[in-house]
Amino acid sequence: VFMPTGTLANHLAVRSLAGPGGGRAIVQAEAHLYNDS
């Protein structure tokens, strides 16, 4: 699926994978998703 930005692509991927129950997500402390989004 096309996304206009990488920020949205990463966000919607984690959101969708987490599912309705949400939960937590592990990332690198140096990750773009954690530092720059």
PDB file of all heavy atoms in Angstrom:
ATOM      1  N   VAL A   1       0.854  -1.190   0.000  1.00  0.00           N
ATOM      2  CA  VAL A   1       0.000   0.000   0.000  1.00  0.00           C
ATOM      3  C   VAL A   1       0.889   1.239   0.000  1.00  0.00           C
ATOM      4  O   VAL A   1       1.855   1.322   0.769  1.00  0.00           O
ATOM      5  CB  VAL A   1      -0.931   0.021   1.228  1.00  0.00           C
ATOM      6  CG1 VAL A   1      -1.760   1.304   1.261  1.00  0.00           C
ATOM      7  CG2 VAL A   1      -1.843  -1.198   1.222  1.00  0.00           C
ATOM      8  N   PHE A   2       0.557   2.194  -0.856  1.00  0.00           N
ATOM      9  CA  PHE A   2       1.266   3.473  -0.882  1.00  0.00           C
ATOM     10  C   PHE A   2       0.922   4.284   0.353  1.00  0.00           C
ATOM     11  O   PHE A   2      -0.236   4.352   0.784  1.00  0.00           O
ATOM     12  CB  PHE A   2       0.885   4.266  -2.135  1.00  0.00           C
ATOM     13  CG  PHE A   2       1.422   5.680  -2.149  1.00  0.00           C
ATOM     14  CD1 PHE A   2       2.706   5.949  -2.602  1.00  0.00           C
ATOM     15  CD2 PHE A   2       0.642   6.740  -1.687  1.00  0.00           C
ATOM     16  CE1 PHE A   2       3.197   7.252  -2.600  1.00  0.00           C
ATOM     17  CE2 PHE A   2       1.122   8.037  -1.683  1.00  0.00           C
ATOM     18  CZ  PHE A   2       2.407   8.287  -2.136  1.00  0.00           C
ATOM     19  N   MET A   3       1.937   4.913   0.943  1.00  0.00           N
ATOM     20  CA  MET A   3       1.765   5.858   2.040  1.00  0.00           C
ATOM     21  C   MET A   3       2.511   7.142   1.673  1.00  0.00           C
ATOM     22  O   MET A   3       3.576   7.084   1.055  1.00  0.00           O
ATOM     23  CB  MET A   3       2.330   5.307   3.343  1.00  0.00           C
ATOM     24  CG  MET A   3       1.605   4.089   3.879  1.00  0.00           C
ATOM     25  SD  MET A   3       0.022   4.543   4.610  1.00  0.00           S
ATOM     26  CE  MET A   3      -0.685   2.906   4.880  1.00  0.00           C
ATOM     27  N   PRO A   4       1.992   8.314   2.046  1.00  0.00           N
ATOM     28  CA  PRO A   4       2.669   9.557   1.684  1.00  0.00           C
ATOM     29  C   PRO A   4       3.967   9.785   2.440  1.00  0.00           C
ATOM     30  O   PRO A   4       4.828  10.519   1.969  1.00  0.00           O
ATOM     31  CB  PRO A   4       1.640  10.639   2.017  1.00  0.00           C
ATOM     32  CG  PRO A   4       0.742  10.021   3.025  1.00  0.00           C
ATOM     33  CD  PRO A   4       0.690   8.565   2.687  1.00  0.00           C
ATOM     34  N   THR A   5       4.126   9.169   3.633  1.00  0.00           N
ATOM     35  CA  THR A   5       5.358   9.336   4.405  1.00  0.00           C
ATOM     36  C   THR A   5       5.741   8.027   5.088  1.00  0.00           C
ATOM     37  O   THR A   5       4.880   7.173   5.366  1.00  0.00           O
ATOM     38  CB  THR A   5       5.208  10.406   5.510  1.00  0.00           C
ATOM     39  OG1 THR A   5       4.285   9.933   6.502  1.00  0.00           O
ATOM     40  CG2 THR A   5       4.724  11.737   4.939  1.00  0.00           C
ATOM     41  N   GLY A   6       7.032   7.908   5.413  1.00  0.00           N
ATOM     42  CA  GLY A   6       7.498   6.764   6.169  1.00  0.00           C
ATOM     43  C   GLY A   6       6.992   6.775   7.592  1.00  0.00           C
ATOM     44  O   GLY A   6       6.769   5.714   8.193  1.00  0.00           O
ATOM     45  N   THR A   7       6.814   7.959   8.163  1.00  0.00           N
ATOM     46  CA  THR A   7       6.281   8.060   9.519  1.00  0.00           C
ATOM     47  C   THR A   7       4.927   7.382   9.614  1.00  0.00           C
ATOM     48  O   THR A   7       4.655   6.605  10.540  1.00  0.00           O
ATOM     49  CB  THR A   7       6.164   9.541   9.941  1.00  0.00           C
ATOM     50  OG1 THR A   7       7.468  10.114   9.990  1.00  0.00           O
ATOM     51  CG2 THR A   7       5.503   9.679  11.302  1.00  0.00           C
ATOM     52  N   LEU A   8       4.055   7.657   8.632  1.00  0.00           N
ATOM     53  CA  LEU A   8       2.731   7.038   8.644  1.00  0.00           C
ATOM     54  C   LEU A   8       2.824   5.539   8.375  1.00  0.00           C
ATOM     55  O   LEU A   8       2.096   4.752   8.983  1.00  0.00           O
ATOM     56  CB  LEU A   8       1.827   7.708   7.614  1.00  0.00           C
ATOM     57  CG  LEU A   8       0.357   7.255   7.660  1.00  0.00           C
ATOM     58  CD1 LEU A   8      -0.288   7.658   8.980  1.00  0.00           C
ATOM     59  CD2 LEU A   8      -0.434   7.826   6.496  1.00  0.00           C
ATOM     60  N   ALA A   9       3.705   5.131   7.479  1.00  0.00           N
ATOM     61  CA  ALA A   9       3.851   3.705   7.179  1.00  0.00           C
ATOM     62  C   ALA A   9       4.248   2.920   8.425  1.00  0.00           C
ATOM     63  O   ALA A   9       3.659   1.882   8.745  1.00  0.00           O
ATOM     64  CB  ALA A   9       4.888   3.510   6.071  1.00  0.00           C
ATOM     65  N   ASN A  10       5.252   3.412   9.156  1.00  0.00           N
ATOM     66  CA  ASN A  10       5.672   2.738  10.381  1.00  0.00           C
ATOM     67  C   ASN A  10       4.555   2.734  11.422  1.00  0.00           C
ATOM     68  O   ASN A  10       4.299   1.726  12.081  1.00  0.00           O
ATOM     69  CB  ASN A  10       6.913   3.422  10.957  1.00  0.00           C
ATOM     70  CG  ASN A  10       8.195   3.007  10.269  1.00  0.00           C
ATOM     71  OD1 ASN A  10       8.330   1.891   9.791  1.00  0.00           O
ATOM     72  ND2 ASN A  10       9.152   3.920  10.220  1.00  0.00           N
ATOM     73  N   HIS A  11       3.906   3.878  11.576  1.00  0.00           N
ATOM     74  CA  HIS A  11       2.844   3.998  12.571  1.00  0.00           C
ATOM     75  C   HIS A  11       1.703   3.026  12.293  1.00  0.00           C
ATOM     76  O   HIS A  11       1.282   2.258  13.179  1.00  0.00           O
ATOM     77  CB  HIS A  11       2.335   5.444  12.572  1.00  0.00           C
ATOM     78  CG  HIS A  11       1.208   5.691  13.532  1.00  0.00           C
ATOM     79  ND1 HIS A  11       0.591   6.917  13.644  1.00  0.00           N
ATOM     80  CD2 HIS A  11       0.560   4.889  14.409  1.00  0.00           C
ATOM     81  CE1 HIS A  11      -0.364   6.849  14.551  1.00  0.00           C
ATOM     82  NE2 HIS A  11      -0.409   5.629  15.026  1.00  0.00           N
ATOM     83  N   LEU A  12       1.196   3.040  11.064  1.00  0.00           N
ATOM     84  CA  LEU A  12       0.045   2.193  10.761  1.00  0.00           C
ATOM     85  C   LEU A  12       0.407   0.716  10.757  1.00  0.00           C
ATOM     86  O   LEU A  12      -0.442  -0.144  11.034  1.00  0.00           O
ATOM     87  CB  LEU A  12      -0.568   2.598   9.421  1.00  0.00           C
ATOM     88  CG  LEU A  12      -1.172   4.010   9.369  1.00  0.00           C
ATOM     89  CD1 LEU A  12      -2.008   4.191   8.112  1.00  0.00           C
ATOM     90  CD2 LEU A  12      -1.988   4.318  10.607  1.00  0.00           C
ATOM     91  N   ALA A  13       1.671   0.399  10.475  1.00  0.00           N
ATOM     92  CA  ALA A  13       2.101  -0.993  10.560  1.00  0.00           C
ATOM     93  C   ALA A  13       2.026  -1.483  12.005  1.00  0.00           C
ATOM     94  O   ALA A  13       1.430  -2.534  12.299  1.00  0.00           O
ATOM     95  CB  ALA A  13       3.522  -1.144  10.027  1.00  0.00           C
ATOM     96  N   VAL A  14       2.625  -0.733  12.918  1.00  0.00           N
ATOM     97  CA  VAL A  14       2.614  -1.133  14.330  1.00  0.00           C
ATOM     98  C   VAL A  14       1.181  -1.152  14.858  1.00  0.00           C
ATOM     99  O   VAL A  14       0.776  -2.078  15.576  1.00  0.00           O
ATOM    100  CB  VAL A  14       3.506  -0.189  15.158  1.00  0.00           C
ATOM    101  CG1 VAL A  14       3.344  -0.459  16.651  1.00  0.00           C
ATOM    102  CG2 VAL A  14       4.968  -0.360  14.750  1.00  0.00           C
ATOM    103  N   ARG A  15       0.401  -0.156  14.506  1.00  0.00           N
ATOM    104  CA  ARG A  15      -0.993  -0.075  14.953  1.00  0.00           C
ATOM    105  C   ARG A  15      -1.782  -1.298  14.485  1.00  0.00           C
ATOM    106  O   ARG A  15      -2.540  -1.903  15.262  1.00  0.00           O
ATOM    107  CB  ARG A  15      -1.609   1.211  14.399  1.00  0.00           C
ATOM    108  CG  ARG A  15      -3.101   1.388  14.670  1.00  0.00           C
ATOM    109  CD  ARG A  15      -3.631   2.572  13.865  1.00  0.00           C
ATOM    110  NE  ARG A  15      -5.070   2.705  13.968  1.00  0.00           N
ATOM    111  CZ  ARG A  15      -5.683   3.484  14.849  1.00  0.00           C
ATOM    112  NH1 ARG A  15      -4.980   4.202  15.703  1.00  0.00           N
ATOM    113  NH2 ARG A  15      -7.008   3.559  14.890  1.00  0.00           N
ATOM    114  N   SER A  16      -1.623  -1.659  13.228  1.00  0.00           N
ATOM    115  CA  SER A  16      -2.390  -2.784  12.673  1.00  0.00           C
ATOM    116  C   SER A  16      -1.925  -4.122  13.236  1.00  0.00           C
ATOM    117  O   SER A  16      -2.736  -5.011  13.514  1.00  0.00           O
ATOM    118  CB  SER A  16      -2.272  -2.788  11.149  1.00  0.00           C
ATOM    119  OG  SER A  16      -2.798  -1.591  10.600  1.00  0.00           O
ATOM    120  N   LEU A  17      -0.619  -4.274  13.392  1.00  0.00           N
ATOM    121  CA  LEU A  17      -0.095  -5.529  13.929  1.00  0.00           C
ATOM    122  C   LEU A  17      -0.513  -5.722  15.385  1.00  0.00           C
ATOM    123  O   LEU A  17      -0.729  -6.845  15.836  1.00  0.00           O
ATOM    124  CB  LEU A  17       1.424  -5.558  13.814  1.00  0.00           C
ATOM    125  CG  LEU A  17       1.999  -5.629  12.393  1.00  0.00           C
ATOM    126  CD1 LEU A  17       3.512  -5.509  12.427  1.00  0.00           C
ATOM    127  CD2 LEU A  17       1.586  -6.924  11.699  1.00  0.00           C
ATOM    128  N   ALA A  18      -0.595  -4.629  16.137  1.00  0.00           N
ATOM    129  CA  ALA A  18      -0.995  -4.730  17.535  1.00  0.00           C
ATOM    130  C   ALA A  18      -2.447  -5.172  17.675  1.00  0.00           C
ATOM    131  O   ALA A  18      -2.807  -5.843  18.641  1.00  0.00           O
ATOM    132  CB  ALA A  18      -0.784  -3.393  18.234  1.00  0.00           C
ATOM    133  N   GLY A  19      -3.279  -4.825  16.693  1.00  0.00           N
ATOM    134  CA  GLY A  19      -4.668  -5.251  16.719  1.00  0.00           C
ATOM    135  C   GLY A  19      -5.512  -4.481  17.717  1.00  0.00           C
ATOM    136  O   GLY A  19      -5.050  -3.540  18.373  1.00  0.00           O
ATOM    137  N   PRO A  20      -6.775  -4.893  17.870  1.00  0.00           N
ATOM    138  CA  PRO A  20      -7.702  -4.171  18.749  1.00  0.00           C
ATOM    139  C   PRO A  20      -7.238  -4.111  20.202  1.00  0.00           C
ATOM    140  O   PRO A  20      -7.550  -3.171  20.928  1.00  0.00           O
ATOM    141  CB  PRO A  20      -9.007  -4.977  18.626  1.00  0.00           C
ATOM    142  CG  PRO A  20      -8.888  -5.705  17.326  1.00  0.00           C
ATOM    143  CD  PRO A  20      -7.426  -6.018  17.179  1.00  0.00           C
ATOM    144  N   GLY A  21      -6.477  -5.102  20.641  1.00  0.00           N
ATOM    145  CA  GLY A  21      -6.038  -5.136  22.026  1.00  0.00           C
ATOM    146  C   GLY A  21      -4.883  -4.215  22.333  1.00  0.00           C
ATOM    147  O   GLY A  21      -4.526  -4.011  23.505  1.00  0.00           O
ATOM    148  N   GLY A  22      -4.281  -3.648  21.295  1.00  0.00           N
ATOM    149  CA  GLY A  22      -3.161  -2.731  21.491  1.00  0.00           C
ATOM    150  C   GLY A  22      -1.934  -3.438  22.005  1.00  0.00           C
ATOM    151  O   GLY A  22      -1.299  -4.186  21.283  1.00  0.00           O
ATOM    152  N   GLY A  23      -1.616  -3.266  23.261  1.00  0.00           N
ATOM    153  CA  GLY A  23      -0.413  -3.855  23.801  1.00  0.00           C
ATOM    154  C   GLY A  23       0.762  -2.906  23.696  1.00  0.00           C
ATOM    155  O   GLY A  23       0.600  -1.694  23.489  1.00  0.00           O
ATOM    156  N   ARG A  24       1.961  -3.437  23.844  1.00  0.00           N
ATOM    157  CA  ARG A  24       3.179  -2.647  23.775  1.00  0.00           C
ATOM    158  C   ARG A  24       4.006  -3.082  22.577  1.00  0.00           C
ATOM    159  O   ARG A  24       3.826  -4.183  22.038  1.00  0.00           O
ATOM    160  CB  ARG A  24       3.991  -2.832  25.062  1.00  0.00           C
ATOM    161  CG  ARG A  24       3.323  -2.268  26.301  1.00  0.00           C
ATOM    162  CD  ARG A  24       4.035  -2.746  27.547  1.00  0.00           C
ATOM    163  NE  ARG A  24       3.665  -1.961  28.719  1.00  0.00           N
ATOM    164  CZ  ARG A  24       3.615  -2.435  29.952  1.00  0.00           C
ATOM    165  NH1 ARG A  24       3.920  -3.694  30.183  1.00  0.00           N
ATOM    166  NH2 ARG A  24       3.279  -1.658  30.961  1.00  0.00           N
ATOM    167  N   ALA A  25       4.933  -2.210  22.194  1.00  0.00           N
ATOM    168  CA  ALA A  25       5.821  -2.520  21.070  1.00  0.00           C
ATOM    169  C   ALA A  25       7.265  -2.266  21.476  1.00  0.00           C
ATOM    170  O   ALA A  25       7.579  -1.223  22.063  1.00  0.00           O
ATOM    171  CB  ALA A  25       5.456  -1.681  19.850  1.00  0.00           C
ATOM    172  N   ILE A  26       8.139  -3.204  21.168  1.00  0.00           N
ATOM    173  CA  ILE A  26       9.577  -3.061  21.405  1.00  0.00           C
ATOM    174  C   ILE A  26      10.218  -2.439  20.179  1.00  0.00           C
ATOM    175  O   ILE A  26       9.930  -2.845  19.044  1.00  0.00           O
ATOM    176  CB  ILE A  26      10.217  -4.426  21.717  1.00  0.00           C
ATOM    177  CG1 ILE A  26       9.761  -4.931  23.094  1.00  0.00           C
ATOM    178  CG2 ILE A  26      11.741  -4.345  21.665  1.00  0.00           C
ATOM    179  CD1 ILE A  26      10.252  -6.327  23.425  1.00  0.00           C
ATOM    180  N   VAL A  27      11.097  -1.455  20.388  1.00  0.00           N
ATOM    181  CA  VAL A  27      11.837  -0.804  19.306  1.00  0.00           C
ATOM    182  C   VAL A  27      13.276  -0.592  19.761  1.00  0.00           C
ATOM    183  O   VAL A  27      13.597  -0.716  20.942  1.00  0.00           O
ATOM    184  CB  VAL A  27      11.226   0.566  18.938  1.00  0.00           C
ATOM    185  CG1 VAL A  27       9.807   0.426  18.412  1.00  0.00           C
ATOM    186  CG2 VAL A  27      11.245   1.504  20.139  1.00  0.00           C
ATOM    187  N   GLN A  28      14.145  -0.264  18.817  1.00  0.00           N
ATOM    188  CA  GLN A  28      15.487   0.189  19.184  1.00  0.00           C
ATOM    189  C   GLN A  28      15.408   1.597  19.769  1.00  0.00           C
ATOM    190  O   GLN A  28      14.623   2.429  19.307  1.00  0.00           O
ATOM    191  CB  GLN A  28      16.413   0.208  17.959  1.00  0.00           C
ATOM    192  CG  GLN A  28      16.676  -1.156  17.333  1.00  0.00           C
ATOM    193  CD  GLN A  28      16.473  -1.111  15.839  1.00  0.00           C
ATOM    194  OE1 GLN A  28      15.369  -0.802  15.366  1.00  0.00           O
ATOM    195  NE2 GLN A  28      17.512  -1.414  15.084  1.00  0.00           N
ATOM    196  N   ALA A  29      16.249   1.865  20.756  1.00  0.00           N
ATOM    197  CA  ALA A  29      16.313   3.216  21.306  1.00  0.00           C
ATOM    198  C   ALA A  29      16.776   4.215  20.257  1.00  0.00           C
ATOM    199  O   ALA A  29      16.488   5.415  20.361  1.00  0.00           O
ATOM    200  CB  ALA A  29      17.250   3.249  22.514  1.00  0.00           C
ATOM    201  N   GLU A  30      17.488   3.747  19.230  1.00  0.00           N
ATOM    202  CA  GLU A  30      17.980   4.621  18.157  1.00  0.00           C
ATOM    203  C   GLU A  30      17.032   4.674  16.965  1.00  0.00           C
ATOM    204  O   GLU A  30      17.352   5.287  15.945  1.00  0.00           O
ATOM    205  CB  GLU A  30      19.361   4.138  17.688  1.00  0.00           C
ATOM    206  CG  GLU A  30      20.408   4.024  18.782  1.00  0.00           C
ATOM    207  CD  GLU A  30      20.623   5.339  19.503  1.00  0.00           C
ATOM    208  OE1 GLU A  30      20.665   6.389  18.830  1.00  0.00           O
ATOM    209  OE2 GLU A  30      20.741   5.320  20.743  1.00  0.00           O
ATOM    210  N   ALA A  31      15.882   4.030  17.065  1.00  0.00           N
ATOM    211  CA  ALA A  31      14.980   3.924  15.921  1.00  0.00           C
ATOM    212  C   ALA A  31      14.364   5.265  15.549  1.00  0.00           C
ATOM    213  O   ALA A  31      14.060   6.101  16.405  1.00  0.00           O
ATOM    214  CB  ALA A  31      13.869   2.921  16.217  1.00  0.00           C
ATOM    215  N   HIS A  32      14.168   5.441  14.267  1.00  0.00           N
ATOM    216  CA  HIS A  32      13.484   6.633  13.750  1.00  0.00           C
ATOM    217  C   HIS A  32      12.088   6.743  14.352  1.00  0.00           C
ATOM    218  O   HIS A  32      11.646   7.836  14.729  1.00  0.00           O
ATOM    219  CB  HIS A  32      13.406   6.543  12.230  1.00  0.00           C
ATOM    220  CG  HIS A  32      12.909   7.783  11.559  1.00  0.00           C
ATOM    221  ND1 HIS A  32      11.575   8.026  11.354  1.00  0.00           N
ATOM    222  CD2 HIS A  32      13.567   8.855  11.046  1.00  0.00           C
ATOM    223  CE1 HIS A  32      11.425   9.188  10.742  1.00  0.00           C
ATOM    224  NE2 HIS A  32      12.606   9.716  10.549  1.00  0.00           N
ATOM    225  N   LEU A  33      11.396   5.620  14.470  1.00  0.00           N
ATOM    226  CA  LEU A  33      10.028   5.636  14.987  1.00  0.00           C
ATOM    227  C   LEU A  33       9.985   6.127  16.423  1.00  0.00           C
ATOM    228  O   LEU A  33       9.024   6.794  16.831  1.00  0.00           O
ATOM    229  CB  LEU A  33       9.434   4.225  14.897  1.00  0.00           C
ATOM    230  CG  LEU A  33       7.984   4.056  15.353  1.00  0.00           C
ATOM    231  CD1 LEU A  33       7.057   4.925  14.522  1.00  0.00           C
ATOM    232  CD2 LEU A  33       7.562   2.597  15.276  1.00  0.00           C
ATOM    233  N   TYR A  34      11.022   5.841  17.197  1.00  0.00           N
ATOM    234  CA  TYR A  34      11.042   6.242  18.596  1.00  0.00           C
ATOM    235  C   TYR A  34      11.504   7.681  18.791  1.00  0.00           C
ATOM    236  O   TYR A  34      11.023   8.383  19.687  1.00  0.00           O
ATOM    237  CB  TYR A  34      11.949   5.303  19.392  1.00  0.00           C
ATOM    238  CG  TYR A  34      11.981   5.593  20.878  1.00  0.00           C
ATOM    239  CD1 TYR A  34      10.848   5.381  21.664  1.00  0.00           C
ATOM    240  CD2 TYR A  34      13.126   6.078  21.481  1.00  0.00           C
ATOM    241  CE1 TYR A  34      10.867   5.658  23.019  1.00  0.00           C
ATOM    242  CE2 TYR A  34      13.153   6.355  22.841  1.00  0.00           C
ATOM    243  CZ  TYR A  34      12.023   6.144  23.608  1.00  0.00           C
ATOM    244  OH  TYR A  34      12.044   6.420  24.950  1.00  0.00           O
ATOM    245  N   ASN A  35      12.428   8.148  17.950  1.00  0.00           N
ATOM    246  CA  ASN A  35      13.069   9.449  18.162  1.00  0.00           C
ATOM    247  C   ASN A  35      12.523  10.589  17.317  1.00  0.00           C
ATOM    248  O   ASN A  35      12.571  11.746  17.738  1.00  0.00           O
ATOM    249  CB  ASN A  35      14.572   9.338  17.878  1.00  0.00           C
ATOM    250  CG  ASN A  35      15.289   8.468  18.881  1.00  0.00           C
ATOM    251  OD1 ASN A  35      15.601   8.902  19.978  1.00  0.00           O
ATOM    252  ND2 ASN A  35      15.555   7.221  18.515  1.00  0.00           N
ATOM    253  N   ASP A  36      12.038  10.289  16.125  1.00  0.00           N
ATOM    254  CA  ASP A  36      11.817  11.342  15.135  1.00  0.00           C
ATOM    255  C   ASP A  36      10.404  11.395  14.575  1.00  0.00           C
ATOM    256  O   ASP A  36      10.184  11.985  13.522  1.00  0.00           O
ATOM    257  CB  ASP A  36      12.810  11.158  13.978  1.00  0.00           C
ATOM    258  CG  ASP A  36      14.248  11.090  14.456  1.00  0.00           C
ATOM    259  OD1 ASP A  36      14.701  12.079  15.061  1.00  0.00           O
ATOM    260  OD2 ASP A  36      14.900  10.059  14.257  1.00  0.00           O
ATOM    261  N   SER A  37       9.457  10.781  15.259  1.00  0.00           N
ATOM    262  CA  SER A  37       8.098  10.718  14.726  1.00  0.00           C
ATOM    263  C   SER A  37       7.069  11.345  15.649  1.00  0.00           C
ATOM    264  O   SER A  37       5.869  11.070  15.545  1.00  0.00           O
ATOM    265  CB  SER A  37       7.717   9.251  14.442  1.00  0.00           C
ATOM    266  OG  SER A  37       8.595   8.684  13.493  1.00  0.00           O
TER     267      SER A  37
END
